[in-house]
Amino acid sequence: MKNTAQVDVLESMALGRALAAHSHELKNVLAIVGEAAGLAEDILALQRMRNPESAMPEDMAARVDKALGSITAQVERGHKLTSDLNMLAHLPDRRLEPTLPDVDLSLIAGLACRMLERNARRAHVQLSPPAAVGATAPADAQGCLAACLVLLEWIYKSRQPGEEVAVAAVDGAPAIEIPDAPDLDGLPEDVRRLTESAGMELETDNDRLRVTLMGV
């Protein structure tokens, strides 16, 4: 590995460690907020049971219950987001080792789907991550994520509002499949370069795109 490439890897690893530490701190914040919301729910329920006459009016109680329910739901959502951030933070961990780690492309594609979900939703397109894990191949996980991000972005931008991009793991292979994919003749140069660099092979069969992680 060239010296400049080593510096790039060291930088990404340093940023990854900082991001991991921040994601753990966010998890602690969410845990405290969740516990406080749960305690408030318990106190209100206890008050209603012991002193029903002194309980707050029914309409106000319903609004408080709804607010506490929203807090709990957002805490759960926050935990999922911080789990993704932690996964992102640890992608560069083994980039300087002599052998690359085994990478499950379906897990990487799932992370990419969740990271692109907001932008896809703004385009009124649904991104559905793989529901199952697949086989693995030795690869650079960070490079695979970058390739999946630009590839999926290219695909969802080709869809019409209301359509879905459904990503599925291929049973027994280090690969994913996406139906109704655009023609690879229109693949942008940056997407081609990143997928090739990540060791991915793209091929279509009856408008179904298969992305196979060949390993690097």
N, C-alpha and C. Protein backbone atom coordinates (compact mmCIF):
# COMPACT_ATOMS: atom_id res chain seq x y z
N MET A 1 0.84 -1.19 0.00
CA MET A 1 0.00 0.00 0.00
C MET A 1 0.88 1.25 0.00
N LYS A 2 0.57 2.20 -0.88
CA LYS A 2 1.36 3.41 -0.95
C LYS A 2 1.17 4.23 0.31
N ASN A 3 2.17 5.10 0.55
CA ASN A 3 2.14 5.90 1.76
C ASN A 3 0.88 6.76 1.84
N THR A 4 0.50 7.40 0.71
CA THR A 4 -0.71 8.24 0.72
C THR A 4 -1.95 7.41 1.01
N ALA A 5 -2.00 6.19 0.49
CA ALA A 5 -3.14 5.31 0.76
C ALA A 5 -3.17 4.93 2.24
N GLN A 6 -1.98 4.68 2.82
CA GLN A 6 -1.92 4.35 4.24
C GLN A 6 -2.44 5.51 5.09
N VAL A 7 -2.07 6.73 4.71
CA VAL A 7 -2.55 7.91 5.44
C VAL A 7 -4.07 8.00 5.35
N ASP A 8 -4.62 7.75 4.16
CA ASP A 8 -6.08 7.79 3.99
C ASP A 8 -6.76 6.77 4.91
N VAL A 9 -6.19 5.57 4.99
CA VAL A 9 -6.76 4.54 5.84
C VAL A 9 -6.66 4.93 7.31
N LEU A 10 -5.51 5.45 7.71
CA LEU A 10 -5.34 5.88 9.10
C LEU A 10 -6.32 6.98 9.47
N GLU A 11 -6.56 7.90 8.52
CA GLU A 11 -7.53 8.96 8.77
C GLU A 11 -8.93 8.40 8.95
N SER A 12 -9.33 7.47 8.06
CA SER A 12 -10.67 6.89 8.17
C SER A 12 -10.82 6.09 9.45
N MET A 13 -9.75 5.42 9.89
CA MET A 13 -9.80 4.66 11.14
C MET A 13 -9.93 5.59 12.34
N ALA A 14 -9.21 6.72 12.31
CA ALA A 14 -9.30 7.68 13.40
C ALA A 14 -10.71 8.28 13.49
N LEU A 15 -11.26 8.64 12.33
CA LEU A 15 -12.62 9.17 12.31
C LEU A 15 -13.63 8.11 12.75
N GLY A 16 -13.37 6.86 12.38
CA GLY A 16 -14.25 5.77 12.79
C GLY A 16 -14.28 5.60 14.29
N ARG A 17 -13.11 5.68 14.92
CA ARG A 17 -13.06 5.55 16.38
C ARG A 17 -13.83 6.68 17.06
N ALA A 18 -13.67 7.90 16.52
CA ALA A 18 -14.39 9.04 17.10
C ALA A 18 -15.90 8.88 16.91
N LEU A 19 -16.31 8.41 15.74
CA LEU A 19 -17.73 8.20 15.48
C LEU A 19 -18.30 7.11 16.38
N ALA A 20 -17.52 6.06 16.61
CA ALA A 20 -17.97 4.98 17.49
C ALA A 20 -18.19 5.50 18.91
N ALA A 21 -17.25 6.32 19.39
CA ALA A 21 -17.39 6.88 20.73
C ALA A 21 -18.64 7.76 20.83
N HIS A 22 -18.88 8.56 19.79
CA HIS A 22 -20.05 9.44 19.79
C HIS A 22 -21.35 8.62 19.74
N SER A 23 -21.35 7.54 18.97
CA SER A 23 -22.57 6.74 18.88
C SER A 23 -22.89 6.09 20.22
N HIS A 24 -21.85 5.69 20.96
CA HIS A 24 -22.08 5.12 22.30
C HIS A 24 -22.65 6.18 23.25
N GLU A 25 -22.14 7.41 23.15
CA GLU A 25 -22.67 8.49 23.99
C GLU A 25 -24.13 8.78 23.65
N LEU A 26 -24.45 8.75 22.37
CA LEU A 26 -25.85 8.97 21.96
C LEU A 26 -26.75 7.86 22.51
N LYS A 27 -26.25 6.63 22.52
CA LYS A 27 -27.03 5.53 23.08
C LYS A 27 -27.31 5.78 24.56
N ASN A 28 -26.32 6.31 25.27
CA ASN A 28 -26.53 6.61 26.69
C ASN A 28 -27.60 7.68 26.88
N VAL A 29 -27.56 8.72 26.03
CA VAL A 29 -28.57 9.78 26.09
C VAL A 29 -29.96 9.19 25.84
N LEU A 30 -30.07 8.36 24.81
CA LEU A 30 -31.37 7.76 24.47
C LEU A 30 -31.87 6.86 25.60
N ALA A 31 -30.95 6.15 26.24
CA ALA A 31 -31.36 5.28 27.34
C ALA A 31 -31.95 6.09 28.49
N ILE A 32 -31.34 7.23 28.80
CA ILE A 32 -31.84 8.08 29.89
C ILE A 32 -33.20 8.67 29.53
N VAL A 33 -33.34 9.14 28.28
CA VAL A 33 -34.63 9.69 27.84
C VAL A 33 -35.71 8.61 27.89
N GLY A 34 -35.37 7.41 27.43
CA GLY A 34 -36.34 6.31 27.45
C GLY A 34 -36.76 5.94 28.86
N GLU A 35 -35.80 5.90 29.77
CA GLU A 35 -36.12 5.58 31.16
C GLU A 35 -37.00 6.66 31.79
N ALA A 36 -36.72 7.93 31.48
CA ALA A 36 -37.52 9.02 32.02
C ALA A 36 -38.95 8.97 31.50
N ALA A 37 -39.11 8.67 30.21
CA ALA A 37 -40.45 8.56 29.63
C ALA A 37 -41.21 7.39 30.26
N GLY A 38 -40.52 6.28 30.46
CA GLY A 38 -41.16 5.13 31.09
C GLY A 38 -41.57 5.42 32.52
N LEU A 39 -40.72 6.15 33.25
CA LEU A 39 -41.05 6.52 34.62
C LEU A 39 -42.27 7.43 34.66
N ALA A 40 -42.33 8.39 33.74
CA ALA A 40 -43.49 9.29 33.68
C ALA A 40 -44.77 8.52 33.40
N GLU A 41 -44.71 7.54 32.51
CA GLU A 41 -45.88 6.72 32.22
C GLU A 41 -46.32 5.95 33.46
N ASP A 42 -45.35 5.40 34.20
CA ASP A 42 -45.68 4.64 35.41
C ASP A 42 -46.31 5.53 36.48
N ILE A 43 -45.77 6.74 36.65
CA ILE A 43 -46.31 7.66 37.66
C ILE A 43 -47.74 8.06 37.33
N LEU A 44 -47.99 8.36 36.05
CA LEU A 44 -49.35 8.73 35.64
C LEU A 44 -50.32 7.58 35.83
N ALA A 45 -49.88 6.37 35.48
CA ALA A 45 -50.75 5.20 35.65
C ALA A 45 -51.06 4.96 37.12
N LEU A 46 -50.05 5.14 37.97
CA LEU A 46 -50.23 4.93 39.41
C LEU A 46 -51.18 5.98 39.99
N GLN A 47 -51.04 7.22 39.52
CA GLN A 47 -51.93 8.28 40.01
C GLN A 47 -53.38 8.00 39.62
N ARG A 48 -53.59 7.54 38.41
CA ARG A 48 -54.95 7.23 37.96
C ARG A 48 -55.56 6.10 38.78
N MET A 49 -54.73 5.15 39.15
CA MET A 49 -55.23 3.99 39.89
C MET A 49 -55.53 4.35 41.34
N ARG A 50 -54.66 5.14 41.97
CA ARG A 50 -54.82 5.44 43.39
C ARG A 50 -55.77 6.61 43.65
N ASN A 51 -55.69 7.63 42.80
CA ASN A 51 -56.51 8.83 43.01
C ASN A 51 -57.22 9.22 41.72
N PRO A 52 -58.18 8.44 41.30
CA PRO A 52 -58.85 8.73 40.02
C PRO A 52 -59.53 10.10 40.01
N GLU A 53 -59.97 10.57 41.17
CA GLU A 53 -60.67 11.86 41.21
C GLU A 53 -59.72 13.03 40.97
N SER A 54 -58.46 12.86 41.39
CA SER A 54 -57.50 13.96 41.23
C SER A 54 -56.69 13.85 39.94
N ALA A 55 -56.99 12.83 39.14
CA ALA A 55 -56.26 12.66 37.88
C ALA A 55 -56.59 13.80 36.93
N MET A 56 -55.69 14.06 36.00
CA MET A 56 -55.90 15.14 35.03
C MET A 56 -57.08 14.82 34.13
N PRO A 57 -57.68 15.84 33.51
CA PRO A 57 -58.82 15.61 32.61
C PRO A 57 -58.48 14.60 31.52
N GLU A 58 -59.50 13.90 31.05
CA GLU A 58 -59.30 12.80 30.11
C GLU A 58 -58.63 13.26 28.82
N ASP A 59 -59.05 14.43 28.29
CA ASP A 59 -58.46 14.88 27.03
C ASP A 59 -56.98 15.24 27.20
N MET A 60 -56.65 15.84 28.35
CA MET A 60 -55.25 16.18 28.60
C MET A 60 -54.42 14.92 28.83
N ALA A 61 -55.00 13.94 29.54
CA ALA A 61 -54.30 12.68 29.77
C ALA A 61 -54.01 11.97 28.45
N ALA A 62 -54.96 12.04 27.52
CA ALA A 62 -54.76 11.41 26.21
C ALA A 62 -53.61 12.07 25.46
N ARG A 63 -53.52 13.40 25.58
CA ARG A 63 -52.43 14.12 24.91
C ARG A 63 -51.08 13.77 25.53
N VAL A 64 -51.05 13.64 26.86
CA VAL A 64 -49.80 13.27 27.54
C VAL A 64 -49.39 11.85 27.15
N ASP A 65 -50.36 10.93 27.11
CA ASP A 65 -50.07 9.55 26.72
C ASP A 65 -49.50 9.51 25.30
N LYS A 66 -50.10 10.30 24.41
CA LYS A 66 -49.63 10.33 23.02
C LYS A 66 -48.20 10.87 22.94
N ALA A 67 -47.93 11.93 23.73
CA ALA A 67 -46.59 12.52 23.72
C ALA A 67 -45.55 11.53 24.25
N LEU A 68 -45.88 10.84 25.34
CA LEU A 68 -44.94 9.87 25.90
C LEU A 68 -44.74 8.69 24.94
N GLY A 69 -45.81 8.29 24.26
CA GLY A 69 -45.68 7.22 23.28
C GLY A 69 -44.77 7.63 22.13
N SER A 70 -44.88 8.91 21.71
CA SER A 70 -44.02 9.41 20.63
C SER A 70 -42.56 9.43 21.07
N ILE A 71 -42.33 9.82 22.33
CA ILE A 71 -40.96 9.83 22.85
C ILE A 71 -40.38 8.42 22.83
N THR A 72 -41.15 7.45 23.29
CA THR A 72 -40.68 6.06 23.32
C THR A 72 -40.38 5.55 21.92
N ALA A 73 -41.26 5.87 20.96
CA ALA A 73 -41.05 5.42 19.58
C ALA A 73 -39.79 6.04 18.98
N GLN A 74 -39.56 7.33 19.27
CA GLN A 74 -38.38 8.00 18.72
C GLN A 74 -37.10 7.51 19.39
N VAL A 75 -37.19 7.13 20.66
CA VAL A 75 -36.02 6.54 21.33
C VAL A 75 -35.65 5.22 20.66
N GLU A 76 -36.65 4.40 20.35
CA GLU A 76 -36.38 3.13 19.66
C GLU A 76 -35.77 3.39 18.29
N ARG A 77 -36.29 4.39 17.59
CA ARG A 77 -35.74 4.75 16.28
C ARG A 77 -34.30 5.25 16.43
N GLY A 78 -34.06 6.03 17.48
CA GLY A 78 -32.71 6.54 17.72
C GLY A 78 -31.72 5.42 17.99
N HIS A 79 -32.15 4.38 18.71
CA HIS A 79 -31.27 3.24 18.97
C HIS A 79 -30.89 2.53 17.66
N LYS A 80 -31.85 2.42 16.74
CA LYS A 80 -31.55 1.79 15.45
C LYS A 80 -30.56 2.65 14.66
N LEU A 81 -30.75 3.97 14.71
CA LEU A 81 -29.84 4.86 13.98
C LEU A 81 -28.42 4.80 14.56
N THR A 82 -28.32 4.78 15.88
CA THR A 82 -26.99 4.73 16.49
C THR A 82 -26.32 3.38 16.24
N SER A 83 -27.11 2.31 16.14
CA SER A 83 -26.53 1.00 15.78
C SER A 83 -25.93 1.05 14.39
N ASP A 84 -26.62 1.73 13.47
CA ASP A 84 -26.08 1.89 12.11
C ASP A 84 -24.82 2.75 12.13
N LEU A 85 -24.83 3.81 12.94
CA LEU A 85 -23.65 4.66 13.04
C LEU A 85 -22.47 3.88 13.59
N ASN A 86 -22.74 3.01 14.56
CA ASN A 86 -21.66 2.21 15.14
C ASN A 86 -21.10 1.23 14.11
N MET A 87 -22.00 0.64 13.31
CA MET A 87 -21.55 -0.25 12.24
C MET A 87 -20.70 0.52 11.23
N LEU A 88 -21.15 1.71 10.87
CA LEU A 88 -20.40 2.56 9.95
C LEU A 88 -19.02 2.90 10.53
N ALA A 89 -18.98 3.19 11.82
CA ALA A 89 -17.73 3.58 12.46
C ALA A 89 -16.69 2.47 12.44
N HIS A 90 -17.15 1.22 12.49
CA HIS A 90 -16.20 0.10 12.58
C HIS A 90 -15.83 -0.49 11.22
N LEU A 91 -16.38 0.04 10.13
CA LEU A 91 -16.04 -0.50 8.81
C LEU A 91 -14.54 -0.41 8.50
N PRO A 92 -13.84 0.67 8.89
CA PRO A 92 -12.41 0.75 8.53
C PRO A 92 -11.48 -0.04 9.44
N ASP A 93 -12.00 -0.72 10.46
CA ASP A 93 -11.17 -1.29 11.52
C ASP A 93 -10.00 -2.14 11.01
N ARG A 94 -10.23 -2.94 9.98
CA ARG A 94 -9.21 -3.92 9.57
C ARG A 94 -8.57 -3.61 8.23
N ARG A 95 -8.62 -2.34 7.82
CA ARG A 95 -8.13 -2.00 6.49
C ARG A 95 -6.61 -2.10 6.36
N LEU A 96 -5.88 -2.05 7.47
CA LEU A 96 -4.42 -2.14 7.41
C LEU A 96 -3.90 -3.55 7.66
N GLU A 97 -4.80 -4.49 7.93
CA GLU A 97 -4.36 -5.86 8.19
C GLU A 97 -3.96 -6.55 6.88
N PRO A 98 -3.08 -7.56 6.96
CA PRO A 98 -2.61 -8.25 5.74
C PRO A 98 -3.74 -8.90 4.95
N THR A 99 -4.75 -9.40 5.64
CA THR A 99 -5.89 -10.02 4.96
C THR A 99 -7.16 -9.25 5.28
N LEU A 100 -8.00 -9.09 4.28
CA LEU A 100 -9.25 -8.36 4.47
C LEU A 100 -10.29 -9.24 5.16
N PRO A 101 -11.22 -8.63 5.88
CA PRO A 101 -12.26 -9.42 6.57
C PRO A 101 -13.29 -9.97 5.59
N ASP A 102 -14.00 -11.00 6.01
CA ASP A 102 -15.11 -11.51 5.22
C ASP A 102 -16.28 -10.54 5.35
N VAL A 103 -16.83 -10.14 4.23
CA VAL A 103 -17.90 -9.14 4.20
C VAL A 103 -19.18 -9.77 3.66
N ASP A 104 -20.28 -9.53 4.36
CA ASP A 104 -21.60 -9.95 3.90
C ASP A 104 -22.20 -8.78 3.13
N LEU A 105 -22.28 -8.91 1.82
CA LEU A 105 -22.76 -7.81 0.99
C LEU A 105 -24.20 -7.43 1.32
N SER A 106 -25.01 -8.41 1.74
CA SER A 106 -26.40 -8.10 2.07
C SER A 106 -26.50 -7.18 3.29
N LEU A 107 -25.61 -7.38 4.28
CA LEU A 107 -25.60 -6.50 5.45
C LEU A 107 -25.16 -5.09 5.06
N ILE A 108 -24.15 -5.01 4.20
CA ILE A 108 -23.67 -3.71 3.75
C ILE A 108 -24.75 -3.00 2.93
N ALA A 109 -25.43 -3.75 2.06
CA ALA A 109 -26.50 -3.17 1.25
C ALA A 109 -27.66 -2.71 2.14
N GLY A 110 -27.93 -3.47 3.21
CA GLY A 110 -28.98 -3.06 4.14
C GLY A 110 -28.65 -1.75 4.82
N LEU A 111 -27.38 -1.59 5.23
CA LEU A 111 -26.95 -0.34 5.84
C LEU A 111 -27.08 0.80 4.84
N ALA A 112 -26.68 0.56 3.60
CA ALA A 112 -26.79 1.59 2.56
C ALA A 112 -28.25 1.99 2.34
N CYS A 113 -29.15 1.02 2.33
CA CYS A 113 -30.58 1.31 2.16
C CYS A 113 -31.08 2.23 3.27
N ARG A 114 -30.69 1.93 4.49
CA ARG A 114 -31.16 2.74 5.62
C ARG A 114 -30.56 4.15 5.58
N MET A 115 -29.31 4.26 5.12
CA MET A 115 -28.68 5.56 5.05
C MET A 115 -29.27 6.42 3.93
N LEU A 116 -29.78 5.77 2.89
CA LEU A 116 -30.38 6.49 1.76
C LEU A 116 -31.89 6.65 1.90
N GLU A 117 -32.45 6.08 2.94
CA GLU A 117 -33.91 6.02 3.08
C GLU A 117 -34.56 7.40 3.01
N ARG A 118 -33.98 8.37 3.71
CA ARG A 118 -34.59 9.70 3.75
C ARG A 118 -34.63 10.34 2.37
N ASN A 119 -33.50 10.28 1.65
CA ASN A 119 -33.46 10.89 0.31
C ASN A 119 -34.38 10.16 -0.66
N ALA A 120 -34.44 8.83 -0.55
CA ALA A 120 -35.34 8.07 -1.41
C ALA A 120 -36.80 8.41 -1.10
N ARG A 121 -37.10 8.57 0.18
CA ARG A 121 -38.47 8.91 0.58
C ARG A 121 -38.87 10.27 0.02
N ARG A 122 -37.92 11.21 -0.02
CA ARG A 122 -38.22 12.53 -0.59
C ARG A 122 -38.51 12.43 -2.08
N ALA A 123 -37.96 11.40 -2.73
CA ALA A 123 -38.25 11.16 -4.14
C ALA A 123 -39.47 10.26 -4.30
N HIS A 124 -40.13 9.93 -3.17
CA HIS A 124 -41.33 9.09 -3.14
C HIS A 124 -41.05 7.68 -3.67
N VAL A 125 -39.85 7.19 -3.36
CA VAL A 125 -39.45 5.83 -3.71
C VAL A 125 -39.12 5.09 -2.42
N GLN A 126 -39.56 3.84 -2.34
CA GLN A 126 -39.29 3.03 -1.15
C GLN A 126 -38.06 2.16 -1.37
N LEU A 127 -37.12 2.24 -0.43
CA LEU A 127 -35.93 1.38 -0.46
C LEU A 127 -36.13 0.27 0.56
N SER A 128 -36.14 -0.98 0.10
CA SER A 128 -36.35 -2.11 0.99
C SER A 128 -35.06 -2.92 1.10
N PRO A 129 -34.46 -2.99 2.30
CA PRO A 129 -33.20 -3.73 2.48
C PRO A 129 -33.43 -5.23 2.45
N PRO A 130 -32.36 -6.00 2.28
CA PRO A 130 -32.48 -7.47 2.29
C PRO A 130 -33.05 -7.96 3.62
N ALA A 131 -33.90 -8.97 3.54
CA ALA A 131 -34.52 -9.51 4.75
C ALA A 131 -33.68 -10.62 5.36
N ALA A 132 -32.66 -11.10 4.64
CA ALA A 132 -31.84 -12.20 5.13
C ALA A 132 -30.37 -11.90 4.88
N VAL A 133 -29.52 -12.60 5.61
CA VAL A 133 -28.08 -12.46 5.41
C VAL A 133 -27.64 -13.41 4.30
N GLY A 134 -26.49 -13.11 3.71
CA GLY A 134 -26.00 -13.94 2.63
C GLY A 134 -24.63 -14.51 2.93
N ALA A 135 -23.98 -15.05 1.91
CA ALA A 135 -22.63 -15.57 2.05
C ALA A 135 -21.64 -14.41 2.06
N THR A 136 -20.39 -14.70 2.41
CA THR A 136 -19.39 -13.65 2.54
C THR A 136 -18.24 -13.85 1.56
N ALA A 137 -17.47 -12.77 1.38
CA ALA A 137 -16.25 -12.81 0.58
C ALA A 137 -15.29 -11.79 1.17
N PRO A 138 -13.98 -12.04 1.09
CA PRO A 138 -13.02 -11.07 1.63
C PRO A 138 -13.03 -9.78 0.82
N ALA A 139 -13.21 -8.67 1.51
CA ALA A 139 -13.32 -7.39 0.81
C ALA A 139 -13.12 -6.24 1.80
N ASP A 140 -13.00 -5.04 1.25
CA ASP A 140 -12.91 -3.83 2.05
C ASP A 140 -14.34 -3.35 2.33
N ALA A 141 -14.78 -3.48 3.57
CA ALA A 141 -16.17 -3.17 3.91
C ALA A 141 -16.52 -1.72 3.62
N GLN A 142 -15.58 -0.81 3.89
CA GLN A 142 -15.85 0.61 3.65
C GLN A 142 -16.03 0.88 2.16
N GLY A 143 -15.19 0.26 1.34
CA GLY A 143 -15.33 0.42 -0.10
C GLY A 143 -16.63 -0.17 -0.62
N CYS A 144 -17.05 -1.29 -0.03
CA CYS A 144 -18.32 -1.91 -0.42
C CYS A 144 -19.50 -1.00 -0.10
N LEU A 145 -19.45 -0.35 1.06
CA LEU A 145 -20.53 0.55 1.43
C LEU A 145 -20.60 1.73 0.47
N ALA A 146 -19.45 2.32 0.16
CA ALA A 146 -19.44 3.45 -0.78
C ALA A 146 -20.02 3.04 -2.13
N ALA A 147 -19.64 1.85 -2.60
CA ALA A 147 -20.15 1.36 -3.88
C ALA A 147 -21.66 1.13 -3.82
N CYS A 148 -22.14 0.54 -2.73
CA CYS A 148 -23.58 0.30 -2.58
C CYS A 148 -24.36 1.61 -2.53
N LEU A 149 -23.80 2.61 -1.86
CA LEU A 149 -24.49 3.89 -1.75
C LEU A 149 -24.70 4.53 -3.12
N VAL A 150 -23.65 4.60 -3.92
CA VAL A 150 -23.80 5.26 -5.23
C VAL A 150 -24.62 4.40 -6.19
N LEU A 151 -24.50 3.07 -6.08
CA LEU A 151 -25.28 2.19 -6.96
C LEU A 151 -26.77 2.29 -6.66
N LEU A 152 -27.12 2.20 -5.38
CA LEU A 152 -28.54 2.27 -5.00
C LEU A 152 -29.12 3.66 -5.27
N GLU A 153 -28.29 4.68 -5.10
CA GLU A 153 -28.76 6.04 -5.40
C GLU A 153 -29.08 6.16 -6.89
N TRP A 154 -28.22 5.62 -7.73
CA TRP A 154 -28.46 5.65 -9.18
C TRP A 154 -29.75 4.90 -9.52
N ILE A 155 -29.97 3.77 -8.86
CA ILE A 155 -31.15 2.96 -9.17
C ILE A 155 -32.43 3.65 -8.71
N TYR A 156 -32.46 4.16 -7.46
CA TYR A 156 -33.73 4.74 -6.99
C TYR A 156 -34.06 6.03 -7.74
N LYS A 157 -33.04 6.74 -8.21
CA LYS A 157 -33.31 7.97 -8.97
C LYS A 157 -33.89 7.66 -10.35
N SER A 158 -33.76 6.41 -10.79
CA SER A 158 -34.33 6.02 -12.08
C SER A 158 -35.79 5.60 -11.96
N ARG A 159 -36.28 5.47 -10.73
CA ARG A 159 -37.64 4.97 -10.50
C ARG A 159 -38.66 6.11 -10.50
N GLN A 160 -39.90 5.74 -10.74
CA GLN A 160 -41.00 6.69 -10.71
C GLN A 160 -41.55 6.79 -9.28
N PRO A 161 -42.14 7.94 -8.92
CA PRO A 161 -42.75 8.06 -7.59
C PRO A 161 -43.74 6.94 -7.32
N GLY A 162 -43.66 6.40 -6.11
CA GLY A 162 -44.54 5.30 -5.73
C GLY A 162 -43.95 3.93 -5.96
N GLU A 163 -42.81 3.85 -6.65
CA GLU A 163 -42.20 2.56 -6.92
C GLU A 163 -41.27 2.14 -5.77
N GLU A 164 -40.82 0.90 -5.83
CA GLU A 164 -39.98 0.33 -4.78
C GLU A 164 -38.69 -0.22 -5.37
N VAL A 165 -37.61 -0.06 -4.62
CA VAL A 165 -36.34 -0.72 -4.94
C VAL A 165 -36.15 -1.79 -3.87
N ALA A 166 -36.39 -3.04 -4.25
CA ALA A 166 -36.32 -4.15 -3.30
C ALA A 166 -35.00 -4.89 -3.48
N VAL A 167 -34.18 -4.87 -2.44
CA VAL A 167 -32.87 -5.53 -2.47
C VAL A 167 -32.99 -6.87 -1.75
N ALA A 168 -32.54 -7.93 -2.39
CA ALA A 168 -32.66 -9.27 -1.81
C ALA A 168 -31.30 -9.96 -1.80
N ALA A 169 -31.04 -10.71 -0.73
CA ALA A 169 -29.83 -11.52 -0.66
C ALA A 169 -29.99 -12.75 -1.55
N VAL A 170 -28.90 -13.19 -2.15
CA VAL A 170 -28.91 -14.39 -2.98
C VAL A 170 -28.47 -15.56 -2.11
N ASP A 171 -29.31 -16.57 -2.01
CA ASP A 171 -29.04 -17.71 -1.14
C ASP A 171 -27.76 -18.43 -1.57
N GLY A 172 -26.83 -18.56 -0.62
CA GLY A 172 -25.62 -19.32 -0.86
C GLY A 172 -24.55 -18.62 -1.66
N ALA A 173 -24.74 -17.33 -1.95
CA ALA A 173 -23.75 -16.59 -2.75
C ALA A 173 -23.50 -15.23 -2.11
N PRO A 174 -22.28 -14.70 -2.26
CA PRO A 174 -21.99 -13.35 -1.74
C PRO A 174 -22.53 -12.30 -2.70
N ALA A 175 -23.85 -12.23 -2.81
CA ALA A 175 -24.46 -11.40 -3.84
C ALA A 175 -25.82 -10.89 -3.39
N ILE A 176 -26.27 -9.84 -4.07
CA ILE A 176 -27.61 -9.30 -3.89
C ILE A 176 -28.26 -9.18 -5.26
N GLU A 177 -29.58 -9.14 -5.28
CA GLU A 177 -30.32 -8.95 -6.53
C GLU A 177 -31.34 -7.84 -6.37
N ILE A 178 -31.55 -7.10 -7.46
CA ILE A 178 -32.50 -6.00 -7.48
C ILE A 178 -33.32 -6.12 -8.76
N PRO A 179 -34.63 -6.34 -8.66
CA PRO A 179 -35.45 -6.45 -9.87
C PRO A 179 -35.70 -5.10 -10.52
N ASP A 180 -36.07 -5.14 -11.80
CA ASP A 180 -36.43 -3.93 -12.55
C ASP A 180 -35.33 -2.88 -12.51
N ALA A 181 -34.09 -3.32 -12.69
CA ALA A 181 -32.96 -2.40 -12.64
C ALA A 181 -32.80 -1.69 -13.98
N PRO A 182 -32.25 -0.48 -13.97
CA PRO A 182 -31.99 0.22 -15.23
C PRO A 182 -30.88 -0.46 -16.03
N ASP A 183 -30.80 -0.13 -17.30
CA ASP A 183 -29.80 -0.72 -18.19
C ASP A 183 -28.40 -0.32 -17.74
N LEU A 184 -27.51 -1.29 -17.65
CA LEU A 184 -26.14 -1.01 -17.21
C LEU A 184 -25.37 -0.16 -18.20
N ASP A 185 -25.88 -0.03 -19.43
CA ASP A 185 -25.22 0.86 -20.39
C ASP A 185 -25.24 2.31 -19.90
N GLY A 186 -26.20 2.62 -19.04
CA GLY A 186 -26.29 3.98 -18.51
C GLY A 186 -25.62 4.16 -17.16
N LEU A 187 -24.83 3.16 -16.74
CA LEU A 187 -24.17 3.23 -15.44
C LEU A 187 -23.18 4.39 -15.41
N PRO A 188 -23.31 5.32 -14.47
CA PRO A 188 -22.37 6.44 -14.40
C PRO A 188 -20.94 5.97 -14.13
N GLU A 189 -19.98 6.75 -14.58
CA GLU A 189 -18.58 6.37 -14.46
C GLU A 189 -18.15 6.24 -13.00
N ASP A 190 -18.63 7.14 -12.13
CA ASP A 190 -18.21 7.05 -10.73
C ASP A 190 -18.75 5.79 -10.07
N VAL A 191 -19.96 5.37 -10.46
CA VAL A 191 -20.52 4.13 -9.91
C VAL A 191 -19.73 2.93 -10.41
N ARG A 192 -19.38 2.94 -11.69
CA ARG A 192 -18.60 1.84 -12.25
C ARG A 192 -17.25 1.71 -11.55
N ARG A 193 -16.58 2.84 -11.34
CA ARG A 193 -15.26 2.81 -10.72
C ARG A 193 -15.32 2.32 -9.28
N LEU A 194 -16.32 2.77 -8.53
CA LEU A 194 -16.41 2.37 -7.13
C LEU A 194 -16.79 0.89 -6.99
N THR A 195 -17.69 0.40 -7.83
CA THR A 195 -18.07 -1.01 -7.74
C THR A 195 -16.90 -1.90 -8.15
N GLU A 196 -16.17 -1.51 -9.18
CA GLU A 196 -15.01 -2.30 -9.59
C GLU A 196 -13.94 -2.30 -8.50
N SER A 197 -13.70 -1.14 -7.90
CA SER A 197 -12.70 -1.04 -6.85
C SER A 197 -13.06 -1.90 -5.64
N ALA A 198 -14.36 -2.03 -5.38
CA ALA A 198 -14.82 -2.83 -4.24
C ALA A 198 -14.84 -4.33 -4.55
N GLY A 199 -14.54 -4.69 -5.80
CA GLY A 199 -14.55 -6.10 -6.17
C GLY A 199 -15.93 -6.63 -6.48
N MET A 200 -16.81 -5.75 -6.98
CA MET A 200 -18.18 -6.16 -7.30
C MET A 200 -18.32 -6.39 -8.80
N GLU A 201 -19.05 -7.43 -9.14
CA GLU A 201 -19.38 -7.72 -10.54
C GLU A 201 -20.86 -7.48 -10.75
N LEU A 202 -21.20 -6.67 -11.76
CA LEU A 202 -22.60 -6.35 -12.05
C LEU A 202 -23.02 -7.05 -13.33
N GLU A 203 -24.18 -7.70 -13.28
CA GLU A 203 -24.73 -8.32 -14.48
C GLU A 203 -26.25 -8.32 -14.39
N THR A 204 -26.90 -8.23 -15.54
CA THR A 204 -28.35 -8.21 -15.57
C THR A 204 -28.88 -9.41 -16.33
N ASP A 205 -30.05 -9.88 -15.89
CA ASP A 205 -30.74 -10.98 -16.54
C ASP A 205 -32.23 -10.71 -16.44
N ASN A 206 -32.87 -10.44 -17.58
CA ASN A 206 -34.30 -10.11 -17.60
C ASN A 206 -34.62 -8.95 -16.66
N ASP A 207 -33.83 -7.89 -16.78
CA ASP A 207 -34.02 -6.66 -15.99
C ASP A 207 -33.78 -6.86 -14.49
N ARG A 208 -33.21 -7.98 -14.11
CA ARG A 208 -32.85 -8.21 -12.70
C ARG A 208 -31.34 -8.04 -12.56
N LEU A 209 -30.95 -7.09 -11.72
CA LEU A 209 -29.52 -6.82 -11.52
C LEU A 209 -28.98 -7.71 -10.41
N ARG A 210 -27.89 -8.40 -10.71
CA ARG A 210 -27.20 -9.17 -9.68
C ARG A 210 -25.85 -8.51 -9.43
N VAL A 211 -25.58 -8.24 -8.16
CA VAL A 211 -24.30 -7.66 -7.74
C VAL A 211 -23.59 -8.73 -6.92
N THR A 212 -22.48 -9.21 -7.44
CA THR A 212 -21.73 -10.28 -6.78
C THR A 212 -20.42 -9.73 -6.25
N LEU A 213 -20.15 -10.01 -4.99
CA LEU A 213 -18.89 -9.59 -4.38
C LEU A 213 -17.84 -10.65 -4.67
N MET A 214 -16.95 -10.34 -5.61
CA MET A 214 -15.94 -11.30 -6.04
C MET A 214 -14.76 -11.35 -5.08
N GLY A 215 -14.62 -10.30 -4.25
CA GLY A 215 -13.49 -10.23 -3.34
C GLY A 215 -12.32 -9.52 -3.99
N VAL A 216 -11.46 -8.95 -3.14
CA VAL A 216 -10.29 -8.23 -3.66
C VAL A 216 -9.04 -8.71 -2.95
